[in-house]
Amino acid sequence: MDTAMKILLIIFSLGLIAAVLLQKGKSAGLSGAITGGAEHLFGKQKARGLDLFLQRLTVVLAAGFFILSLVVAYLVKA
């Protein structure tokens, strides 16, 4: 059981790293300032949907990682 939890913790950590790295940065620089208004006016649904999915996935993976970290720490100590 201890080994399974550690493997699950590694999977969650790698998933969390991937989800964070796939997200678009908030500061897009000068190009974001120029095209930001047009994207806001006309909408960018595909990228927005993907960003929303990645944000939700990050929250779920972070919560799972936190809970699994506590469980593994408790199992190692006990």
PDB file of N, CA and C in Angstrom:
ATOM      1  N   MET A   1       0.832  -1.199   0.000  1.00  0.00           N
ATOM      2  CA  MET A   1       0.000   0.000   0.000  1.00  0.00           C
ATOM      3  C   MET A   1       0.869   1.252   0.000  1.00  0.00           C
ATOM      4  N   ASP A   2       1.962   1.209   0.759  1.00  0.00           N
ATOM      5  CA  ASP A   2       2.869   2.352   0.831  1.00  0.00           C
ATOM      6  C   ASP A   2       3.489   2.634  -0.537  1.00  0.00           C
ATOM      7  N   THR A   3       3.891   1.581  -1.222  1.00  0.00           N
ATOM      8  CA  THR A   3       4.510   1.745  -2.538  1.00  0.00           C
ATOM      9  C   THR A   3       3.492   2.271  -3.557  1.00  0.00           C
ATOM     10  N   ALA A   4       2.276   1.790  -3.490  1.00  0.00           N
ATOM     11  CA  ALA A   4       1.235   2.242  -4.416  1.00  0.00           C
ATOM     12  C   ALA A   4       0.947   3.727  -4.219  1.00  0.00           C
ATOM     13  N   MET A   5       0.906   4.169  -2.970  1.00  0.00           N
ATOM     14  CA  MET A   5       0.660   5.590  -2.693  1.00  0.00           C
ATOM     15  C   MET A   5       1.807   6.458  -3.201  1.00  0.00           C
ATOM     16  N   LYS A   6       3.032   5.976  -3.044  1.00  0.00           N
ATOM     17  CA  LYS A   6       4.186   6.741  -3.536  1.00  0.00           C
ATOM     18  C   LYS A   6       4.178   6.839  -5.055  1.00  0.00           C
ATOM     19  N   ILE A   7       3.813   5.754  -5.722  1.00  0.00           N
ATOM     20  CA  ILE A   7       3.732   5.780  -7.181  1.00  0.00           C
ATOM     21  C   ILE A   7       2.630   6.730  -7.634  1.00  0.00           C
ATOM     22  N   LEU A   8       1.495   6.700  -6.951  1.00  0.00           N
ATOM     23  CA  LEU A   8       0.403   7.616  -7.259  1.00  0.00           C
ATOM     24  C   LEU A   8       0.816   9.069  -7.019  1.00  0.00           C
ATOM     25  N   LEU A   9       1.598   9.304  -5.975  1.00  0.00           N
ATOM     26  CA  LEU A   9       2.104  10.648  -5.687  1.00  0.00           C
ATOM     27  C   LEU A   9       3.033  11.131  -6.791  1.00  0.00           C
ATOM     28  N   ILE A  10       3.864  10.255  -7.312  1.00  0.00           N
ATOM     29  CA  ILE A  10       4.757  10.611  -8.421  1.00  0.00           C
ATOM     30  C   ILE A  10       3.957  10.930  -9.674  1.00  0.00           C
ATOM     31  N   ILE A  11       2.907  10.154  -9.940  1.00  0.00           N
ATOM     32  CA  ILE A  11       2.067  10.405 -11.107  1.00  0.00           C
ATOM     33  C   ILE A  11       1.372  11.761 -10.976  1.00  0.00           C
ATOM     34  N   PHE A  12       0.850  12.055  -9.792  1.00  0.00           N
ATOM     35  CA  PHE A  12       0.202  13.351  -9.571  1.00  0.00           C
ATOM     36  C   PHE A  12       1.208  14.495  -9.715  1.00  0.00           C
ATOM     37  N   SER A  13       2.416  14.309  -9.213  1.00  0.00           N
ATOM     38  CA  SER A  13       3.403  15.385  -9.301  1.00  0.00           C
ATOM     39  C   SER A  13       3.817  15.640 -10.743  1.00  0.00           C
ATOM     40  N   LEU A  14       4.011  14.596 -11.524  1.00  0.00           N
ATOM     41  CA  LEU A  14       4.365  14.780 -12.933  1.00  0.00           C
ATOM     42  C   LEU A  14       3.210  15.402 -13.708  1.00  0.00           C
ATOM     43  N   GLY A  15       1.989  14.993 -13.400  1.00  0.00           N
ATOM     44  CA  GLY A  15       0.818  15.599 -14.045  1.00  0.00           C
ATOM     45  C   GLY A  15       0.676  17.062 -13.696  1.00  0.00           C
ATOM     46  N   LEU A  16       0.952  17.403 -12.442  1.00  0.00           N
ATOM     47  CA  LEU A  16       0.875  18.799 -12.007  1.00  0.00           C
ATOM     48  C   LEU A  16       1.937  19.643 -12.700  1.00  0.00           C
ATOM     49  N   ILE A  17       3.123  19.117 -12.817  1.00  0.00           N
ATOM     50  CA  ILE A  17       4.191  19.840 -13.518  1.00  0.00           C
ATOM     51  C   ILE A  17       3.808  20.068 -14.975  1.00  0.00           C
ATOM     52  N   ALA A  18       3.289  19.040 -15.631  1.00  0.00           N
ATOM     53  CA  ALA A  18       2.898  19.167 -17.040  1.00  0.00           C
ATOM     54  C   ALA A  18       1.761  20.166 -17.212  1.00  0.00           C
ATOM     55  N   ALA A  19       0.772  20.124 -16.319  1.00  0.00           N
ATOM     56  CA  ALA A  19      -0.368  21.045 -16.431  1.00  0.00           C
ATOM     57  C   ALA A  19       0.063  22.489 -16.240  1.00  0.00           C
ATOM     58  N   VAL A  20       0.981  22.728 -15.316  1.00  0.00           N
ATOM     59  CA  VAL A  20       1.459  24.097 -15.085  1.00  0.00           C
ATOM     60  C   VAL A  20       2.281  24.587 -16.269  1.00  0.00           C
ATOM     61  N   LEU A  21       3.112  23.727 -16.823  1.00  0.00           N
ATOM     62  CA  LEU A  21       3.937  24.147 -17.947  1.00  0.00           C
ATOM     63  C   LEU A  21       3.141  24.358 -19.229  1.00  0.00           C
ATOM     64  N   LEU A  22       2.004  23.693 -19.361  1.00  0.00           N
ATOM     65  CA  LEU A  22       1.192  23.857 -20.564  1.00  0.00           C
ATOM     66  C   LEU A  22       0.343  25.125 -20.541  1.00  0.00           C
ATOM     67  N   GLN A  23       0.182  25.728 -19.382  1.00  0.00           N
ATOM     68  CA  GLN A  23      -0.632  26.933 -19.297  1.00  0.00           C
ATOM     69  C   GLN A  23       0.080  28.116 -19.916  1.00  0.00           C
ATOM     70  N   LYS A  24      -0.731  28.997 -20.498  1.00  0.00           N
ATOM     71  CA  LYS A  24      -0.180  30.205 -21.103  1.00  0.00           C
ATOM     72  C   LYS A  24       0.116  31.210 -20.005  1.00  0.00           C
ATOM     73  N   GLY A  25       1.220  31.921 -20.130  1.00  0.00           N
ATOM     74  CA  GLY A  25       1.586  32.922 -19.145  1.00  0.00           C
ATOM     75  C   GLY A  25       0.624  34.093 -19.154  1.00  0.00           C
ATOM     76  N   LYS A  26       0.489  34.746 -18.020  1.00  0.00           N
ATOM     77  CA  LYS A  26      -0.414  35.887 -17.916  1.00  0.00           C
ATOM     78  C   LYS A  26       0.132  37.120 -18.621  1.00  0.00           C
ATOM     79  N   SER A  27       1.446  37.274 -18.649  1.00  0.00           N
ATOM     80  CA  SER A  27       2.033  38.430 -19.323  1.00  0.00           C
ATOM     81  C   SER A  27       2.549  37.982 -20.683  1.00  0.00           C
ATOM     82  N   ALA A  28       1.840  38.351 -21.712  1.00  0.00           N
ATOM     83  CA  ALA A  28       2.215  37.952 -23.060  1.00  0.00           C
ATOM     84  C   ALA A  28       3.129  38.971 -23.709  1.00  0.00           C
ATOM     85  N   GLY A  29       3.556  39.968 -22.982  1.00  0.00           N
ATOM     86  CA  GLY A  29       4.472  40.960 -23.523  1.00  0.00           C
ATOM     87  C   GLY A  29       3.765  41.959 -24.422  1.00  0.00           C
ATOM     88  N   LEU A  30       4.523  42.567 -25.323  1.00  0.00           N
ATOM     89  CA  LEU A  30       3.980  43.598 -26.203  1.00  0.00           C
ATOM     90  C   LEU A  30       2.978  43.016 -27.189  1.00  0.00           C
ATOM     91  N   SER A  31       3.214  41.802 -27.668  1.00  0.00           N
ATOM     92  CA  SER A  31       2.273  41.211 -28.623  1.00  0.00           C
ATOM     93  C   SER A  31       0.927  40.952 -27.962  1.00  0.00           C
ATOM     94  N   GLY A  32       0.929  40.600 -26.693  1.00  0.00           N
ATOM     95  CA  GLY A  32      -0.333  40.408 -25.983  1.00  0.00           C
ATOM     96  C   GLY A  32      -1.071  41.713 -25.774  1.00  0.00           C
ATOM     97  N   ALA A  33      -0.316  42.794 -25.601  1.00  0.00           N
ATOM     98  CA  ALA A  33      -0.955  44.092 -25.408  1.00  0.00           C
ATOM     99  C   ALA A  33      -1.600  44.573 -26.709  1.00  0.00           C
ATOM    100  N   ILE A  34      -0.973  44.270 -27.834  1.00  0.00           N
ATOM    101  CA  ILE A  34      -1.499  44.716 -29.129  1.00  0.00           C
ATOM    102  C   ILE A  34      -2.695  43.871 -29.549  1.00  0.00           C
ATOM    103  N   THR A  35      -2.567  42.557 -29.469  1.00  0.00           N
ATOM    104  CA  THR A  35      -3.638  41.680 -29.939  1.00  0.00           C
ATOM    105  C   THR A  35      -4.646  41.348 -28.850  1.00  0.00           C
ATOM    106  N   GLY A  36      -4.371  41.723 -27.633  1.00  0.00           N
ATOM    107  CA  GLY A  36      -5.275  41.394 -26.537  1.00  0.00           C
ATOM    108  C   GLY A  36      -6.653  41.979 -26.700  1.00  0.00           C
ATOM    109  N   GLY A  37      -6.729  43.192 -27.190  1.00  0.00           N
ATOM    110  CA  GLY A  37      -8.024  43.830 -27.393  1.00  0.00           C
ATOM    111  C   GLY A  37      -8.837  43.129 -28.459  1.00  0.00           C
ATOM    112  N   ALA A  38      -8.193  42.726 -29.539  1.00  0.00           N
ATOM    113  CA  ALA A  38      -8.903  42.038 -30.620  1.00  0.00           C
ATOM    114  C   ALA A  38      -9.393  40.673 -30.162  1.00  0.00           C
ATOM    115  N   GLU A  39      -8.578  39.961 -29.408  1.00  0.00           N
ATOM    116  CA  GLU A  39      -8.989  38.658 -28.907  1.00  0.00           C
ATOM    117  C   GLU A  39     -10.148  38.807 -27.931  1.00  0.00           C
ATOM    118  N   HIS A  40     -10.120  39.854 -27.148  1.00  0.00           N
ATOM    119  CA  HIS A  40     -11.204  40.080 -26.189  1.00  0.00           C
ATOM    120  C   HIS A  40     -12.497  40.469 -26.918  1.00  0.00           C
ATOM    121  N   LEU A  41     -12.357  41.255 -27.977  1.00  0.00           N
ATOM    122  CA  LEU A  41     -13.527  41.724 -28.712  1.00  0.00           C
ATOM    123  C   LEU A  41     -14.177  40.589 -29.500  1.00  0.00           C
ATOM    124  N   PHE A  42     -13.364  39.834 -30.246  1.00  0.00           N
ATOM    125  CA  PHE A  42     -13.908  38.790 -31.112  1.00  0.00           C
ATOM    126  C   PHE A  42     -14.000  37.433 -30.416  1.00  0.00           C
ATOM    127  N   GLY A  43     -13.324  37.297 -29.321  1.00  0.00           N
ATOM    128  CA  GLY A  43     -13.371  36.042 -28.571  1.00  0.00           C
ATOM    129  C   GLY A  43     -12.383  35.034 -29.120  1.00  0.00           C
ATOM    130  N   LYS A  44     -11.895  34.221 -28.244  1.00  0.00           N
ATOM    131  CA  LYS A  44     -10.956  33.171 -28.638  1.00  0.00           C
ATOM    132  C   LYS A  44     -11.388  31.921 -27.870  1.00  0.00           C
ATOM    133  N   GLN A  45     -12.432  31.286 -28.343  1.00  0.00           N
ATOM    134  CA  GLN A  45     -13.103  30.239 -27.581  1.00  0.00           C
ATOM    135  C   GLN A  45     -12.252  28.983 -27.407  1.00  0.00           C
ATOM    136  N   LYS A  46     -11.557  28.545 -28.453  1.00  0.00           N
ATOM    137  CA  LYS A  46     -10.793  27.302 -28.335  1.00  0.00           C
ATOM    138  C   LYS A  46      -9.676  27.437 -27.311  1.00  0.00           C
ATOM    139  N   ALA A  47      -8.917  28.491 -27.411  1.00  0.00           N
ATOM    140  CA  ALA A  47      -7.816  28.683 -26.463  1.00  0.00           C
ATOM    141  C   ALA A  47      -8.365  28.953 -25.069  1.00  0.00           C
ATOM    142  N   ARG A  48      -9.467  29.664 -24.979  1.00  0.00           N
ATOM    143  CA  ARG A  48     -10.045  29.958 -23.682  1.00  0.00           C
ATOM    144  C   ARG A  48     -10.560  28.687 -23.027  1.00  0.00           C
ATOM    145  N   GLY A  49     -11.176  27.812 -23.817  1.00  0.00           N
ATOM    146  CA  GLY A  49     -11.657  26.544 -23.288  1.00  0.00           C
ATOM    147  C   GLY A  49     -10.511  25.673 -22.805  1.00  0.00           C
ATOM    148  N   LEU A  50      -9.416  25.666 -23.554  1.00  0.00           N
ATOM    149  CA  LEU A  50      -8.250  24.896 -23.158  1.00  0.00           C
ATOM    150  C   LEU A  50      -7.621  25.481 -21.897  1.00  0.00           C
ATOM    151  N   ASP A  51      -7.552  26.802 -21.815  1.00  0.00           N
ATOM    152  CA  ASP A  51      -7.008  27.448 -20.615  1.00  0.00           C
ATOM    153  C   ASP A  51      -7.857  27.141 -19.393  1.00  0.00           C
ATOM    154  N   LEU A  52      -9.166  27.163 -19.569  1.00  0.00           N
ATOM    155  CA  LEU A  52     -10.068  26.852 -18.461  1.00  0.00           C
ATOM    156  C   LEU A  52      -9.906  25.401 -18.022  1.00  0.00           C
ATOM    157  N   PHE A  53      -9.777  24.490 -18.990  1.00  0.00           N
ATOM    158  CA  PHE A  53      -9.569  23.079 -18.665  1.00  0.00           C
ATOM    159  C   PHE A  53      -8.256  22.881 -17.924  1.00  0.00           C
ATOM    160  N   LEU A  54      -7.199  23.536 -18.386  1.00  0.00           N
ATOM    161  CA  LEU A  54      -5.901  23.397 -17.729  1.00  0.00           C
ATOM    162  C   LEU A  54      -5.914  23.988 -16.327  1.00  0.00           C
ATOM    163  N   GLN A  55      -6.640  25.081 -16.119  1.00  0.00           N
ATOM    164  CA  GLN A  55      -6.745  25.656 -14.782  1.00  0.00           C
ATOM    165  C   GLN A  55      -7.466  24.712 -13.830  1.00  0.00           C
ATOM    166  N   ARG A  56      -8.557  24.137 -14.294  1.00  0.00           N
ATOM    167  CA  ARG A  56      -9.304  23.193 -13.450  1.00  0.00           C
ATOM    168  C   ARG A  56      -8.497  21.928 -13.185  1.00  0.00           C
ATOM    169  N   LEU A  57      -7.802  21.451 -14.214  1.00  0.00           N
ATOM    170  CA  LEU A  57      -6.956  20.264 -14.043  1.00  0.00           C
ATOM    171  C   LEU A  57      -5.840  20.540 -13.039  1.00  0.00           C
ATOM    172  N   THR A  58      -5.272  21.727 -13.084  1.00  0.00           N
ATOM    173  CA  THR A  58      -4.219  22.103 -12.146  1.00  0.00           C
ATOM    174  C   THR A  58      -4.742  22.121 -10.716  1.00  0.00           C
ATOM    175  N   VAL A  59      -5.933  22.642 -10.527  1.00  0.00           N
ATOM    176  CA  VAL A  59      -6.520  22.683  -9.178  1.00  0.00           C
ATOM    177  C   VAL A  59      -6.761  21.268  -8.658  1.00  0.00           C
ATOM    178  N   VAL A  60      -7.300  20.408  -9.498  1.00  0.00           N
ATOM    179  CA  VAL A  60      -7.575  19.022  -9.088  1.00  0.00           C
ATOM    180  C   VAL A  60      -6.279  18.288  -8.777  1.00  0.00           C
ATOM    181  N   LEU A  61      -5.277  18.435  -9.639  1.00  0.00           N
ATOM    182  CA  LEU A  61      -4.000  17.760  -9.414  1.00  0.00           C
ATOM    183  C   LEU A  61      -3.284  18.301  -8.179  1.00  0.00           C
ATOM    184  N   ALA A  62      -3.373  19.604  -7.955  1.00  0.00           N
ATOM    185  CA  ALA A  62      -2.730  20.190  -6.776  1.00  0.00           C
ATOM    186  C   ALA A  62      -3.400  19.701  -5.497  1.00  0.00           C
ATOM    187  N   ALA A  63      -4.730  19.636  -5.490  1.00  0.00           N
ATOM    188  CA  ALA A  63      -5.439  19.138  -4.311  1.00  0.00           C
ATOM    189  C   ALA A  63      -5.101  17.670  -4.066  1.00  0.00           C
ATOM    190  N   GLY A  64      -5.081  16.888  -5.128  1.00  0.00           N
ATOM    191  CA  GLY A  64      -4.715  15.471  -4.997  1.00  0.00           C
ATOM    192  C   GLY A  64      -3.294  15.287  -4.519  1.00  0.00           C
ATOM    193  N   PHE A  65      -2.389  16.103  -5.031  1.00  0.00           N
ATOM    194  CA  PHE A  65      -0.996  16.028  -4.610  1.00  0.00           C
ATOM    195  C   PHE A  65      -0.856  16.372  -3.132  1.00  0.00           C
ATOM    196  N   PHE A  66      -1.561  17.398  -2.694  1.00  0.00           N
ATOM    197  CA  PHE A  66      -1.499  17.813  -1.295  1.00  0.00           C
ATOM    198  C   PHE A  66      -2.032  16.722  -0.374  1.00  0.00           C
ATOM    199  N   ILE A  67      -3.179  16.169  -0.721  1.00  0.00           N
ATOM    200  CA  ILE A  67      -3.781  15.116   0.103  1.00  0.00           C
ATOM    201  C   ILE A  67      -2.908  13.869   0.110  1.00  0.00           C
ATOM    202  N   LEU A  68      -2.410  13.475  -1.053  1.00  0.00           N
ATOM    203  CA  LEU A  68      -1.547  12.293  -1.115  1.00  0.00           C
ATOM    204  C   LEU A  68      -0.242  12.504  -0.358  1.00  0.00           C
ATOM    205  N   SER A  69       0.275  13.726  -0.373  1.00  0.00           N
ATOM    206  CA  SER A  69       1.490  14.012   0.386  1.00  0.00           C
ATOM    207  C   SER A  69       1.261  13.804   1.873  1.00  0.00           C
ATOM    208  N   LEU A  70       0.108  14.265   2.356  1.00  0.00           N
ATOM    209  CA  LEU A  70      -0.213  14.072   3.773  1.00  0.00           C
ATOM    210  C   LEU A  70      -0.399  12.596   4.105  1.00  0.00           C
ATOM    211  N   VAL A  71      -1.054  11.857   3.225  1.00  0.00           N
ATOM    212  CA  VAL A  71      -1.282  10.427   3.458  1.00  0.00           C
ATOM    213  C   VAL A  71       0.040   9.670   3.464  1.00  0.00           C
ATOM    214  N   VAL A  72       0.897   9.949   2.499  1.00  0.00           N
ATOM    215  CA  VAL A  72       2.183   9.257   2.438  1.00  0.00           C
ATOM    216  C   VAL A  72       3.046   9.620   3.646  1.00  0.00           C
ATOM    217  N   ALA A  73       3.019  10.865   4.061  1.00  0.00           N
ATOM    218  CA  ALA A  73       3.781  11.271   5.238  1.00  0.00           C
ATOM    219  C   ALA A  73       3.274  10.554   6.484  1.00  0.00           C
ATOM    220  N   TYR A  74       1.959  10.391   6.579  1.00  0.00           N
ATOM    221  CA  TYR A  74       1.381   9.679   7.727  1.00  0.00           C
ATOM    222  C   TYR A  74       1.752   8.201   7.683  1.00  0.00           C
ATOM    223  N   LEU A  75       1.707   7.586   6.491  1.00  0.00           N
ATOM    224  CA  LEU A  75       2.046   6.165   6.374  1.00  0.00           C
ATOM    225  C   LEU A  75       3.520   5.901   6.659  1.00  0.00           C
ATOM    226  N   VAL A  76       4.381   6.805   6.253  1.00  0.00           N
ATOM    227  CA  VAL A  76       5.813   6.628   6.509  1.00  0.00           C
ATOM    228  C   VAL A  76       6.116   6.771   7.992  1.00  0.00           C
ATOM    229  N   LYS A  77       5.441   7.720   8.631  1.00  0.00           N
ATOM    230  CA  LYS A  77       5.677   7.944  10.059  1.00  0.00           C
ATOM    231  C   LYS A  77       5.114   6.815  10.912  1.00  0.00           C
ATOM    232  N   ALA A  78       3.981   6.259  10.499  1.00  0.00           N
ATOM    233  CA  ALA A  78       3.317   5.207  11.306  1.00  0.00           C
ATOM    234  C   ALA A  78       4.006   3.863  11.202  1.00  0.00           C
TER     235      ALA A  78
END
